[in-house]
């Protein structure tokens, strides 16, 4: 090998090249980590209603490390996204010393049982809310479908003026609604939107004007629906006074011999 100068020259050039690359990398690393490119401004944008300034300051103080070039954008995004009400975060640099953070919050749509909230995209998230929200009951895998159906059912019920307070989807894929006037609507599994549309039309034209409280409506009939009102709303029969009892005529005592029958009276003849 040593008697082949071309190979030796090639190896020497390779080593020189590697040394130059390593030196350049070391210089670049040192320059980038010098305190001459600090992050002076961190701008957080978004329609924030639940994320507080204190939470944002805590993330900045704990997780933002490095200067303009070395700050880890992925870790920064993940730190912001761990806040309960944050759905999505994007982070980018703005030359020469700014970091822009765009935060998208969850918009709550409903409660999932008593364990989580549902946003308008049909996603579960874990946060606290004091708002009056409808309750979804069903499998977690069906939450996205339930969110879509909730909005569709709500539009169909608009003519009635009723709001949905409970939406349930059974394991057999049967739908049931609860409304703000304490009514339960049984939709079943088939043609649920057509059934609800028909009920809303009839209710708005007839039942709504009769000031009648309906406890339950079964919409699973092919050509109509059945309703049930609370027992307290049913007309009660008026009590009928019993006619005064007539006094039985007095019997004359009869003197009999032998056995006395039950209806007889044994006594002395006056």
Protein backbone atom coordinates (compact mmCIF):
# COMPACT_ATOMS: atom_id res chain seq x y z
CA UNK A 1 0.00 0.00 0.00
CA UNK A 2 2.76 2.42 0.93
CA UNK A 3 4.28 2.01 -2.49
CA UNK A 4 1.11 3.39 -4.09
CA UNK A 5 1.29 7.16 -3.81
CA UNK A 6 -2.15 7.74 -5.37
CA UNK A 7 -3.88 5.83 -2.57
CA UNK A 8 -1.86 7.65 0.07
CA UNK A 9 -2.75 11.02 -1.44
CA UNK A 10 -6.42 10.07 -1.62
CA UNK A 11 -6.47 9.00 2.05
CA UNK A 12 -4.71 12.19 3.06
CA UNK A 13 -7.22 14.32 1.19
CA UNK A 14 -10.06 12.36 2.82
CA UNK A 15 -8.66 12.96 6.29
CA UNK A 16 -8.16 16.66 5.56
CA UNK A 17 -11.73 16.87 4.31
CA UNK A 18 -13.13 15.17 7.41
CA UNK A 19 -11.09 17.42 9.65
CA UNK A 20 -12.36 20.49 7.82
CA UNK A 21 -15.97 19.36 8.13
CA UNK A 22 -15.59 18.66 11.84
CA UNK A 23 -13.93 22.00 12.41
CA UNK A 24 -16.67 23.80 10.50
CA UNK A 25 -19.34 21.97 12.50
CA UNK A 26 -17.61 22.86 15.77
CA UNK A 27 -17.38 26.51 14.78
CA UNK A 28 -21.01 26.59 13.68
CA UNK A 29 -22.12 24.89 16.90
CA UNK A 30 -20.17 27.36 18.98
CA UNK A 31 -21.55 30.36 17.08
CA UNK A 32 -25.13 29.17 17.31
CA UNK A 33 -24.83 28.61 21.04
CA UNK A 34 -23.33 31.96 21.78
CA UNK A 35 -25.64 34.32 23.68
CA UNK A 36 -25.74 36.66 20.72
CA UNK A 37 -29.01 35.31 19.28
CA UNK A 38 -31.32 35.25 22.31
CA UNK A 39 -35.07 34.92 22.04
CA UNK A 40 -36.37 38.29 23.15
CA UNK A 41 -40.02 37.99 22.15
CA UNK A 42 -42.47 35.09 22.46
CA UNK A 43 -45.80 35.91 20.88
CA UNK A 44 -48.82 33.69 21.62
CA UNK A 45 -51.83 34.09 19.34
CA UNK A 46 -55.24 32.44 19.16
CA UNK A 47 -58.78 32.84 20.45
CA UNK A 48 -58.00 31.98 24.05
CA UNK A 49 -60.88 31.71 26.51
CA UNK A 50 -59.65 29.04 28.90
CA UNK A 51 -55.85 29.10 28.63
CA UNK A 52 -54.54 31.65 31.13
CA UNK A 53 -51.52 33.93 30.99
CA UNK A 54 -50.13 32.18 34.07
CA UNK A 55 -50.18 28.82 32.27
CA UNK A 56 -48.41 30.31 29.26
CA UNK A 57 -45.73 31.93 31.40
CA UNK A 58 -45.16 28.63 33.19
CA UNK A 59 -44.55 26.85 29.88
CA UNK A 60 -42.16 29.56 28.70
CA UNK A 61 -40.13 29.56 31.90
CA UNK A 62 -39.89 25.80 32.22
CA UNK A 63 -39.55 24.49 28.70
CA UNK A 64 -38.04 27.12 26.41
CA UNK A 65 -34.29 26.55 26.30
CA UNK A 66 -31.72 27.87 23.88
CA UNK A 67 -31.47 30.82 21.55
CA UNK A 68 -33.14 31.66 18.27
CA UNK A 69 -31.39 28.81 16.44
CA UNK A 70 -31.21 26.11 19.09
CA UNK A 71 -34.67 26.22 20.65
CA UNK A 72 -36.40 22.88 20.07
CA UNK A 73 -39.67 23.69 18.28
CA UNK A 74 -41.08 20.17 18.68
CA UNK A 75 -40.57 20.10 22.45
CA UNK A 76 -41.93 23.63 22.71
CA UNK A 77 -45.08 22.66 20.82
CA UNK A 78 -45.55 19.53 22.93
CA UNK A 79 -45.21 21.54 26.14
CA UNK A 80 -47.97 23.95 25.10
CA UNK A 81 -50.17 21.13 23.86
CA UNK A 82 -50.21 19.45 27.28
CA UNK A 83 -52.44 22.22 28.64
CA UNK A 84 -55.96 20.80 29.18
CA UNK A 85 -57.84 23.17 26.87
CA UNK A 86 -55.27 23.21 24.05
CA UNK A 87 -56.18 21.18 20.97
CA UNK A 88 -53.42 22.13 18.55
CA UNK A 89 -50.25 24.26 18.57
CA UNK A 90 -47.92 25.52 15.86
CA UNK A 91 -44.55 27.14 16.61
CA UNK A 92 -42.22 29.00 14.24
CA UNK A 93 -39.26 31.36 14.35
CA UNK A 94 -39.40 34.98 13.23
CA UNK A 95 -36.06 36.59 12.51
CA UNK A 96 -34.21 37.93 14.34
CA UNK A 97 -35.39 37.22 17.90
CA UNK A 98 -39.05 36.21 17.96
CA UNK A 99 -40.89 32.94 18.50
CA UNK A 100 -44.51 32.81 17.33
CA UNK A 101 -46.90 30.35 18.97
CA UNK A 102 -50.40 29.82 17.54
CA UNK A 103 -52.76 28.04 19.97
CA UNK A 104 -56.08 26.46 19.02
CA UNK A 105 -58.38 25.75 21.95
CA UNK A 106 -60.96 23.02 22.25
CA UNK A 107 -64.53 24.24 21.78
CA UNK A 108 -66.68 22.14 24.06
CA UNK A 109 -69.78 20.58 22.54
CA UNK A 110 -70.96 18.05 25.12
CA UNK A 111 -70.00 15.92 28.07
CA UNK A 112 -69.08 12.29 27.59
CA UNK A 113 -70.83 10.60 30.53
CA UNK A 114 -69.07 12.02 33.60
CA UNK A 115 -65.49 11.38 32.52
CA UNK A 116 -64.58 13.83 29.74
CA UNK A 117 -65.69 16.59 27.40
CA UNK A 118 -66.35 16.37 23.66
CA UNK A 119 -65.21 19.12 21.31
CA UNK A 120 -66.83 20.23 18.07
CA UNK A 121 -64.58 17.85 16.10
CA UNK A 122 -65.94 14.85 17.99
CA UNK A 123 -62.76 14.39 20.03
CA UNK A 124 -62.54 13.61 23.74
CA UNK A 125 -60.50 15.86 26.00
CA UNK A 126 -60.13 16.11 29.74
CA UNK A 127 -60.89 19.49 31.25
CA UNK A 128 -63.38 21.17 33.58
CA UNK A 129 -66.34 23.24 32.38
CA UNK A 130 -69.18 24.92 34.26
CA UNK A 131 -71.33 25.36 31.15
CA UNK A 132 -74.63 23.57 30.69
CA UNK A 133 -73.79 20.91 28.13
CA UNK A 134 -75.67 17.92 26.68
CA UNK A 135 -74.54 14.48 27.76
CA UNK A 136 -73.39 11.80 25.30
CA UNK A 137 -73.86 8.15 26.27
CA UNK A 138 -72.29 5.44 24.15
CA UNK A 139 -69.01 3.80 23.23
CA UNK A 140 -65.89 5.95 22.92
CA UNK A 141 -65.44 4.75 19.36
CA UNK A 142 -68.79 6.37 18.48
CA UNK A 143 -68.11 9.84 19.93
CA UNK A 144 -67.24 11.38 16.56
CA UNK A 145 -70.44 10.01 15.01
CA UNK A 146 -72.48 11.18 17.98
CA UNK A 147 -71.09 14.72 17.66
CA UNK A 148 -72.10 14.85 14.00
CA UNK A 149 -75.56 13.42 14.69
CA UNK A 150 -76.10 15.77 17.62
CA UNK A 151 -75.69 18.78 15.37
CA UNK A 152 -77.92 17.26 12.69
CA UNK A 153 -80.63 16.29 15.19
CA UNK A 154 -80.47 19.77 16.69
CA UNK A 155 -81.22 21.34 13.32
CA UNK A 156 -84.17 18.99 12.76
CA UNK A 157 -85.64 19.93 16.15
CA UNK A 158 -85.43 23.68 15.54
CA UNK A 159 -89.13 24.00 14.51
CA UNK A 160 -90.15 22.64 17.92
CA UNK A 161 -87.99 25.02 19.95
CA UNK A 162 -86.60 22.06 21.92
CA UNK A 163 -82.92 21.55 22.72
CA UNK A 164 -81.15 18.23 23.11
CA UNK A 165 -79.87 17.57 26.62
CA UNK A 166 -79.00 13.89 26.23
CA UNK A 167 -77.95 11.77 23.27
CA UNK A 168 -77.59 8.01 23.66
CA UNK A 169 -76.42 5.37 21.19
CA UNK A 170 -76.98 1.80 22.35
CA UNK A 171 -74.71 -1.16 21.50
CA UNK A 172 -77.41 -2.19 18.99
CA UNK A 173 -77.02 1.21 17.25
CA UNK A 174 -80.38 2.56 18.43
CA UNK A 175 -80.65 6.32 19.03
CA UNK A 176 -82.44 8.03 21.88
CA UNK A 177 -82.77 11.74 22.64
CA UNK A 178 -83.60 13.66 25.79
CA UNK A 179 -84.81 17.26 25.49
CA UNK A 180 -84.85 20.31 27.71
CA UNK A 181 -88.58 19.92 28.39
CA UNK A 182 -88.07 16.47 29.95
CA UNK A 183 -89.17 14.53 26.85
CA UNK A 184 -87.57 11.28 25.69
CA UNK A 185 -87.57 10.55 21.96
CA UNK A 186 -87.02 6.98 20.83
CA UNK A 187 -85.60 7.05 17.28
CA UNK A 188 -84.51 3.46 16.78
CA UNK A 189 -81.90 2.35 14.26
CA UNK A 190 -83.34 3.09 10.82
CA UNK A 191 -84.39 6.29 9.07
CA UNK A 192 -83.74 8.23 12.26
CA UNK A 193 -83.48 11.63 10.58
CA UNK A 194 -86.67 11.14 8.56
CA UNK A 195 -88.53 10.05 11.69
CA UNK A 196 -87.32 13.03 13.68
CA UNK A 197 -88.14 15.43 10.84
CA UNK A 198 -91.71 14.09 10.67
CA UNK A 199 -92.16 14.32 14.44
CA UNK A 200 -90.81 17.88 14.59
CA UNK A 201 -93.23 18.99 11.87
CA UNK A 202 -96.27 17.41 13.51
CA UNK A 203 -95.28 18.58 16.98
CA UNK A 204 -94.81 22.18 15.85
CA UNK A 205 -98.18 22.20 14.06
CA UNK A 206 -100.31 20.41 16.65
CA UNK A 207 -98.95 19.27 20.00
CA UNK A 208 -96.95 22.39 20.76
CA UNK A 209 -100.08 24.54 20.73
CA UNK A 210 -102.01 22.30 23.11
CA UNK A 211 -99.85 23.09 26.12
CA UNK A 212 -99.47 19.37 26.74
CA UNK A 213 -96.43 17.96 28.46
CA UNK A 214 -95.21 14.80 26.73
CA UNK A 215 -92.96 12.47 28.69
CA UNK A 216 -92.09 9.97 25.96
CA UNK A 217 -92.47 9.70 22.20
CA UNK A 218 -91.80 6.50 20.28
CA UNK A 219 -90.95 7.38 16.67
CA UNK A 220 -90.29 3.83 15.50
CA UNK A 221 -93.70 3.36 13.87
CA UNK A 222 -93.73 3.28 10.04
CA UNK A 223 -96.54 5.82 9.60
CA UNK A 224 -96.53 7.87 12.77
CA UNK A 225 -95.50 7.89 16.41
CA UNK A 226 -96.92 7.25 19.85
CA UNK A 227 -96.69 9.64 22.79
CA UNK A 228 -97.10 9.21 26.50
CA UNK A 229 -97.94 11.94 28.99
CA UNK A 230 -97.13 11.84 32.72
CA UNK A 231 -99.77 10.20 34.91
CA UNK A 232 -100.25 13.50 36.71
CA UNK A 233 -101.39 15.07 33.42
CA UNK A 234 -104.09 12.50 32.73
CA UNK A 235 -107.68 13.54 33.53
CA UNK A 236 -108.74 12.10 36.84
CA UNK A 237 -112.28 10.65 37.19
CA UNK A 238 -114.51 12.75 39.42
CA UNK A 239 -115.67 10.97 42.56
CA UNK A 240 -119.39 10.10 42.44
CA UNK A 241 -121.26 10.51 45.69
CA UNK A 242 -122.97 7.33 46.78
CA UNK A 243 -126.79 7.59 47.25
CA UNK A 244 -127.89 7.66 50.86
CA UNK A 245 -128.65 4.24 52.19
CA UNK A 246 -132.34 3.47 52.76
CA UNK A 247 -133.31 2.35 56.18
CA UNK A 248 -134.46 -1.25 56.25
CA UNK A 249 -138.11 -1.68 57.33
CA UNK A 250 -138.53 -2.87 60.86
CA UNK A 251 -139.51 -6.47 61.19
CA UNK A 252 -142.13 -7.70 63.55
CA UNK A 253 -140.82 -10.18 66.00
CA UNK A 254 -142.14 -13.63 65.17
CA UNK A 255 -142.34 -16.38 67.60
CA UNK A 256 -141.07 -19.56 66.06
CA UNK A 257 -140.25 -22.90 67.34
CA UNK A 258 -137.29 -24.96 66.40
CA UNK A 259 -134.24 -23.79 64.54
CA UNK A 260 -133.92 -20.13 63.66
CA UNK A 261 -132.71 -19.31 60.17
CA UNK A 262 -130.07 -16.65 59.78
CA UNK A 263 -132.51 -13.97 58.56
CA UNK A 264 -135.04 -14.54 61.25
CA UNK A 265 -135.44 -12.83 64.51
CA UNK A 266 -136.49 -14.78 67.53
CA UNK A 267 -138.49 -12.88 70.05
CA UNK A 268 -141.82 -12.51 71.74
CA UNK A 269 -144.92 -11.42 69.83
CA UNK A 270 -146.06 -8.08 71.15
